[in-house]
Protein backbone atom coordinates (compact mmCIF):
# COMPACT_ATOMS: atom_id res chain seq x y z
CA UNK A 1 31.30 20.03 -43.68
CA UNK A 2 32.79 18.38 -40.77
CA UNK A 3 30.71 19.24 -37.69
CA UNK A 4 31.82 22.19 -35.58
CA UNK A 5 33.81 21.19 -32.62
CA UNK A 6 33.19 24.13 -30.48
CA UNK A 7 29.64 23.10 -29.98
CA UNK A 8 29.28 19.28 -28.62
CA UNK A 9 27.06 17.51 -26.48
CA UNK A 10 28.93 16.80 -23.49
CA UNK A 11 28.40 14.23 -20.34
CA UNK A 12 27.57 17.22 -18.38
CA UNK A 13 24.63 17.99 -20.48
CA UNK A 14 23.26 15.25 -21.22
CA UNK A 15 23.62 14.77 -17.25
CA UNK A 16 21.52 18.07 -16.18
CA UNK A 17 18.64 17.02 -19.02
CA UNK A 18 18.29 13.47 -17.65
CA UNK A 19 18.22 14.82 -14.22
CA UNK A 20 15.58 17.60 -15.37
CA UNK A 21 13.29 15.20 -16.81
CA UNK A 22 13.59 12.70 -13.91
CA UNK A 23 12.32 15.80 -11.94
CA UNK A 24 9.38 16.64 -14.29
CA UNK A 25 8.25 13.03 -13.82
CA UNK A 26 8.52 12.55 -10.26
CA UNK A 27 6.74 16.50 -9.98
CA UNK A 28 3.75 15.84 -12.01
CA UNK A 29 4.08 11.70 -12.71
CA UNK A 30 1.89 9.68 -10.61
CA UNK A 31 3.49 6.30 -8.51
CA UNK A 32 3.00 2.99 -10.51
CA UNK A 33 3.63 -0.64 -9.50
CA UNK A 34 5.69 -2.35 -12.65
CA UNK A 35 4.60 -6.06 -12.40
CA UNK A 36 7.23 -8.09 -14.85
CA UNK A 37 5.67 -11.21 -16.13
CA UNK A 38 7.03 -14.28 -15.10
CA UNK A 39 6.58 -17.60 -18.33
CA UNK A 40 6.57 -20.69 -16.74
CA UNK A 41 5.03 -22.74 -20.39
CA UNK A 42 6.19 -20.82 -22.88
CA UNK A 43 4.61 -21.67 -26.28
CA UNK A 44 7.78 -21.08 -29.06
CA UNK A 45 5.37 -21.43 -32.07
CA UNK A 46 3.18 -18.72 -30.91
CA UNK A 47 5.40 -16.60 -28.22
CA UNK A 48 2.97 -16.47 -25.71
CA UNK A 49 2.33 -18.55 -22.08
CA UNK A 50 -1.66 -19.07 -20.94
CA UNK A 51 -0.25 -19.83 -17.06
CA UNK A 52 2.15 -17.25 -17.21
CA UNK A 53 2.88 -15.71 -13.59
CA UNK A 54 2.94 -12.10 -11.73
CA UNK A 55 5.00 -12.93 -8.68
CA UNK A 56 6.76 -9.05 -7.67
CA UNK A 57 5.79 -5.35 -8.27
CA UNK A 58 8.17 -2.41 -8.48
CA UNK A 59 6.49 0.79 -7.38
CA UNK A 60 8.14 3.57 -9.54
CA UNK A 61 6.63 7.32 -10.94
CA UNK A 62 5.68 7.69 -14.44
CA UNK A 63 4.18 10.34 -16.47
CA UNK A 64 1.13 9.88 -17.25
CA UNK A 65 0.51 11.36 -21.67
CA UNK A 66 -3.27 10.69 -21.19
CA UNK A 67 -3.93 13.86 -19.67
CA UNK A 68 -7.59 13.73 -21.20
CA UNK A 69 -8.50 10.42 -20.06
CA UNK A 70 -8.39 7.49 -21.07
CA UNK A 71 -7.37 6.60 -24.88
CA UNK A 72 -8.72 3.59 -26.59
CA UNK A 73 -12.35 2.97 -27.75
CA UNK A 74 -13.57 2.93 -23.80
CA UNK A 75 -16.75 1.02 -23.19
CA UNK A 76 -18.80 -0.17 -25.77
CA UNK A 77 -21.46 -2.51 -26.53
CA UNK A 78 -20.43 -5.71 -29.46
CA UNK A 79 -21.84 -8.82 -29.89
CA UNK A 80 -20.00 -10.24 -26.86
CA UNK A 81 -21.81 -8.15 -24.49
CA UNK A 82 -20.28 -4.71 -22.53
CA UNK A 83 -16.46 -4.50 -23.50
CA UNK A 84 -14.19 -1.94 -22.28
CA UNK A 85 -11.10 -0.94 -24.01
CA UNK A 86 -9.08 1.58 -22.26
CA UNK A 87 -5.96 2.48 -23.20
CA UNK A 88 -3.30 4.93 -22.02
CA UNK A 89 0.27 5.84 -22.80
CA UNK A 90 3.17 6.42 -19.73
CA UNK A 91 6.60 7.76 -20.09
CA UNK A 92 9.19 6.46 -17.65
CA UNK A 93 12.64 7.74 -16.98
CA UNK A 94 15.23 5.15 -18.27
CA UNK A 95 17.87 5.53 -15.67
CA UNK A 96 14.63 5.58 -12.85
CA UNK A 97 13.64 2.43 -14.24
CA UNK A 98 17.47 0.56 -13.93
CA UNK A 99 17.99 2.14 -10.79
CA UNK A 100 14.84 0.21 -9.27
CA UNK A 101 14.25 -3.01 -11.58
CA UNK A 102 17.06 -5.22 -12.45
CA UNK A 103 15.91 -5.49 -15.98
CA UNK A 104 17.41 -3.59 -18.88
CA UNK A 105 14.21 -2.18 -20.00
CA UNK A 106 10.49 -2.79 -19.82
CA UNK A 107 8.76 -5.54 -21.47
CA UNK A 108 5.59 -6.31 -23.62
CA UNK A 109 3.40 -8.11 -21.69
CA UNK A 110 4.06 -6.77 -18.07
CA UNK A 111 1.91 -5.34 -16.23
CA UNK A 112 1.30 -1.47 -14.82
CA UNK A 113 -0.73 -1.02 -11.86
CA UNK A 114 -2.78 2.37 -11.76
CA UNK A 115 -3.52 3.30 -8.08
CA UNK A 116 -6.27 6.05 -9.06
CA UNK A 117 -8.19 3.34 -10.54
CA UNK A 118 -7.38 0.22 -9.23
CA UNK A 119 -6.88 -1.08 -12.32
CA UNK A 120 -3.95 -2.91 -14.48
CA UNK A 121 -3.14 -2.14 -17.41
CA UNK A 122 -0.57 -4.46 -19.80
CA UNK A 123 2.47 -3.31 -21.74
CA UNK A 124 1.28 -3.47 -25.31
CA UNK A 125 4.71 -1.78 -26.55
CA UNK A 126 7.25 0.26 -25.61
CA UNK A 127 8.64 3.15 -27.55
CA UNK A 128 12.07 3.63 -26.45
CA UNK A 129 13.56 7.03 -29.19
CA UNK A 130 10.68 9.29 -28.32
CA UNK A 131 11.97 12.12 -27.79
CA UNK A 132 14.80 11.24 -30.61
CA UNK A 133 18.53 11.64 -29.46
CA UNK A 134 17.92 14.70 -27.46
CA UNK A 135 22.00 16.41 -27.04
CA UNK A 136 22.64 12.21 -28.47
CA UNK A 137 20.81 10.30 -25.65
CA UNK A 138 18.21 8.43 -24.61
CA UNK A 139 16.11 9.42 -21.71
CA UNK A 140 12.75 7.94 -21.62
CA UNK A 141 10.37 5.19 -22.32
CA UNK A 142 6.85 5.44 -23.95
CA UNK A 143 4.89 2.53 -22.96
CA UNK A 144 1.54 1.69 -24.63
CA UNK A 145 -0.54 0.53 -22.51
CA UNK A 146 -4.02 -1.89 -22.35
CA UNK A 147 -6.49 -2.44 -19.66
CA UNK A 148 -5.30 -6.16 -18.91
CA UNK A 149 -7.74 -9.20 -19.36
CA UNK A 150 -7.01 -11.87 -16.72
CA UNK A 151 -6.84 -15.05 -17.98
CA UNK A 152 -6.20 -17.79 -15.10
CA UNK A 153 -2.96 -15.87 -14.38
CA UNK A 154 -1.53 -16.66 -11.27
CA UNK A 155 -0.51 -13.17 -8.89
CA UNK A 156 0.80 -12.94 -6.15
CA UNK A 157 3.22 -9.83 -5.90
CA UNK A 158 2.80 -8.88 -2.67
CA UNK A 159 0.43 -5.51 -3.02
CA UNK A 160 -2.44 -6.96 -1.37
CA UNK A 161 -4.51 -4.31 -3.82
CA UNK A 162 -3.01 -5.68 -6.86
CA UNK A 163 -3.61 -9.80 -5.45
CA UNK A 164 -7.25 -9.62 -4.95
CA UNK A 165 -7.51 -9.04 -8.82
CA UNK A 166 -7.02 -12.89 -9.10
CA UNK A 167 -9.13 -13.59 -6.06
CA UNK A 168 -11.94 -11.23 -7.33
CA UNK A 169 -11.73 -13.30 -10.79
CA UNK A 170 -11.59 -16.92 -9.27
CA UNK A 171 -14.10 -19.04 -7.62
CA UNK A 172 -14.08 -22.83 -6.11
CA UNK A 173 -12.31 -25.36 -8.12
CA UNK A 174 -11.13 -28.88 -6.43
CA UNK A 175 -7.51 -30.49 -4.93
CA UNK A 176 -7.53 -33.94 -5.44
CA UNK A 177 -5.38 -36.24 -3.08
CA UNK A 178 -3.58 -38.77 -4.80
CA UNK A 179 -2.44 -41.94 -2.95
CA UNK A 180 0.18 -43.61 -5.72
CA UNK A 181 1.34 -41.50 -8.98
CA UNK A 182 4.06 -42.20 -11.69
CA UNK A 183 5.29 -38.76 -13.13
CA UNK A 184 5.09 -35.39 -13.00
CA UNK A 185 1.91 -33.37 -13.66
CA UNK A 186 1.84 -30.47 -15.99
CA UNK A 187 -0.38 -26.97 -15.21
CA UNK A 188 -2.54 -26.67 -17.83
CA UNK A 189 -2.59 -29.95 -19.28
CA UNK A 190 -5.71 -31.92 -19.89
CA UNK A 191 -6.64 -34.71 -17.76
CA UNK A 192 -8.75 -38.01 -18.47
CA UNK A 193 -9.93 -40.53 -16.36
CA UNK A 194 -12.73 -43.08 -16.90
CA UNK A 195 -15.51 -41.13 -15.89
CA UNK A 196 -14.47 -37.78 -15.88
CA UNK A 197 -12.08 -35.15 -17.46
CA UNK A 198 -10.76 -31.60 -15.96
CA UNK A 199 -7.60 -29.26 -16.75
CA UNK A 200 -4.42 -29.40 -14.17
CA UNK A 201 -3.77 -26.24 -12.01
CA UNK A 202 -1.89 -27.22 -9.88
CA UNK A 203 0.61 -30.10 -8.72
CA UNK A 204 2.28 -30.80 -5.34
CA UNK A 205 4.71 -33.34 -5.52
CA UNK A 206 5.54 -33.73 -1.97
CA UNK A 207 1.77 -34.03 -0.52
CA UNK A 208 0.36 -35.96 -3.60
CA UNK A 209 -2.19 -32.94 -4.13
CA UNK A 210 -3.86 -32.49 -7.45
CA UNK A 211 -5.51 -28.84 -8.03
CA UNK A 212 -8.06 -29.26 -11.15
CA UNK A 213 -10.68 -26.91 -12.77
CA UNK A 214 -13.50 -27.52 -15.73
CA UNK A 215 -14.50 -31.21 -14.26
CA UNK A 216 -16.94 -32.32 -16.79
CA UNK A 217 -18.41 -35.80 -15.24
CA UNK A 218 -18.70 -37.75 -12.00
CA UNK A 219 -15.51 -38.18 -9.95
CA UNK A 220 -15.53 -40.67 -7.73
CA UNK A 221 -12.59 -42.16 -5.38
CA UNK A 222 -10.18 -45.16 -6.34
CA UNK A 223 -10.17 -43.03 -10.42
CA UNK A 224 -7.06 -43.92 -12.20
CA UNK A 225 -6.24 -40.59 -13.87
CA UNK A 226 -3.68 -39.79 -16.94
CA UNK A 227 -2.32 -37.14 -17.71
CA UNK A 228 -2.57 -36.45 -21.48
CA UNK A 229 0.75 -34.17 -22.68
CA UNK A 230 3.04 -35.20 -19.78
CA UNK A 231 1.98 -39.08 -18.96
CA UNK A 232 1.98 -39.12 -15.59
CA UNK A 233 -0.94 -41.24 -14.08
CA UNK A 234 -2.41 -41.42 -10.42
CA UNK A 235 -5.16 -42.95 -8.25
CA UNK A 236 -7.49 -41.21 -7.02
CA UNK A 237 -8.28 -40.96 -2.88
CA UNK A 238 -10.93 -40.31 -0.71
CA UNK A 239 -10.67 -36.75 0.00
CA UNK A 240 -11.80 -33.30 -1.77
CA UNK A 241 -11.21 -30.01 -1.06
CA UNK A 242 -12.93 -27.36 -2.45
CA UNK A 243 -11.25 -24.45 -1.59
CA UNK A 244 -8.55 -23.49 -4.11
CA UNK A 245 -9.28 -20.75 -5.59
CA UNK A 246 -8.72 -21.21 -9.65
CA UNK A 247 -11.84 -20.44 -11.94
CA UNK A 248 -13.50 -17.37 -13.03
CA UNK A 249 -15.94 -16.76 -10.19
CA UNK A 250 -19.57 -15.21 -12.54
CA UNK A 251 -21.23 -14.02 -9.26
CA UNK A 252 -19.33 -11.61 -9.05
CA UNK A 253 -20.86 -10.23 -12.37
CA UNK A 254 -25.08 -10.16 -11.96
CA UNK A 255 -24.71 -10.00 -16.19
CA UNK A 256 -22.74 -12.59 -16.87
CA UNK A 257 -24.92 -15.94 -17.72
CA UNK A 258 -22.39 -17.52 -18.94
CA UNK A 259 -23.21 -21.03 -16.19
CA UNK A 260 -26.39 -20.92 -18.10
CA UNK A 261 -25.20 -21.25 -21.60
CA UNK A 262 -22.55 -23.81 -20.39
CA UNK A 263 -25.34 -25.86 -19.20
CA UNK A 264 -27.36 -26.03 -21.66
CA UNK A 265 -24.80 -26.37 -24.12
CA UNK A 266 -23.22 -29.48 -22.33
CA UNK A 267 -27.08 -31.04 -23.52
CA UNK A 268 -27.00 -30.16 -26.86
CA UNK A 269 -23.30 -30.21 -28.12
CA UNK A 270 -20.57 -33.35 -28.51
CA UNK A 271 -17.83 -32.59 -28.33
CA UNK A 272 -15.73 -36.07 -28.43
CA UNK A 273 -13.22 -35.52 -30.50
CA UNK A 274 -13.95 -37.92 -33.46
CA UNK A 275 -13.37 -38.79 -37.08
CA UNK A 276 -16.55 -37.90 -38.99
CA UNK A 277 -15.16 -40.25 -41.46
CA UNK A 278 -14.43 -43.38 -39.91
CA UNK A 279 -18.20 -44.42 -39.15
CA UNK A 280 -17.39 -44.08 -35.83
CA UNK A 281 -14.11 -46.48 -35.22
CA UNK A 282 -12.28 -43.45 -34.33
């Protein structure tokens, strides 16, 4: 038997439900900041980008489904020390999301700033069919989020409370001025020289200033350096500026002993990449 033609879901009814949904979120929800992720060097094999950026933030209201507190495993002591596994579920109106952001839907990997706790949460999954087609239409997105783990991403959204996340988790690295170079250094690639090695975090071709971190060895003037991935080369000048924030700052955590462990490991372990079957030839 066909559906009763006298009971149809008209666009007017759908509009009423959508407006009521938006009003409910605006009354009972919280103002959040949606921060889209910008991919810089996507790894097509693993589908990730270790040096992605967050360059903008848009305020939008969301409803917190986790009314009893954060979900997830909470705070606990593991073999790696204290871990915080907070998570939360958020609901945002599809119509309001499309109005405020030039995007068709929220994306996994983007961030949500929660002002009440001054925390950043990463979107892990977006459910777009809950509730399921009320009056024949979808009105909301449900976002499953977990506490964001900072991993050297560039955060410059223009929101001071958000951008401090980067500065709070970083410390001093080195800017090197090159007197000459060929090619373009790639952010994230290993950098080698005759006496030291490091990783590239920034490259300004106009000023020939190369930002590096994770330096192993002694940097000296006039060294010739080579990018392992790009093949770019350069000659070191005499200028070094230790002001760029790019590596984890352990001073903010009084229980962090990673620096001590690294120094001791440098005297014990040799991570030189060699072939153990070549009798030292390779």
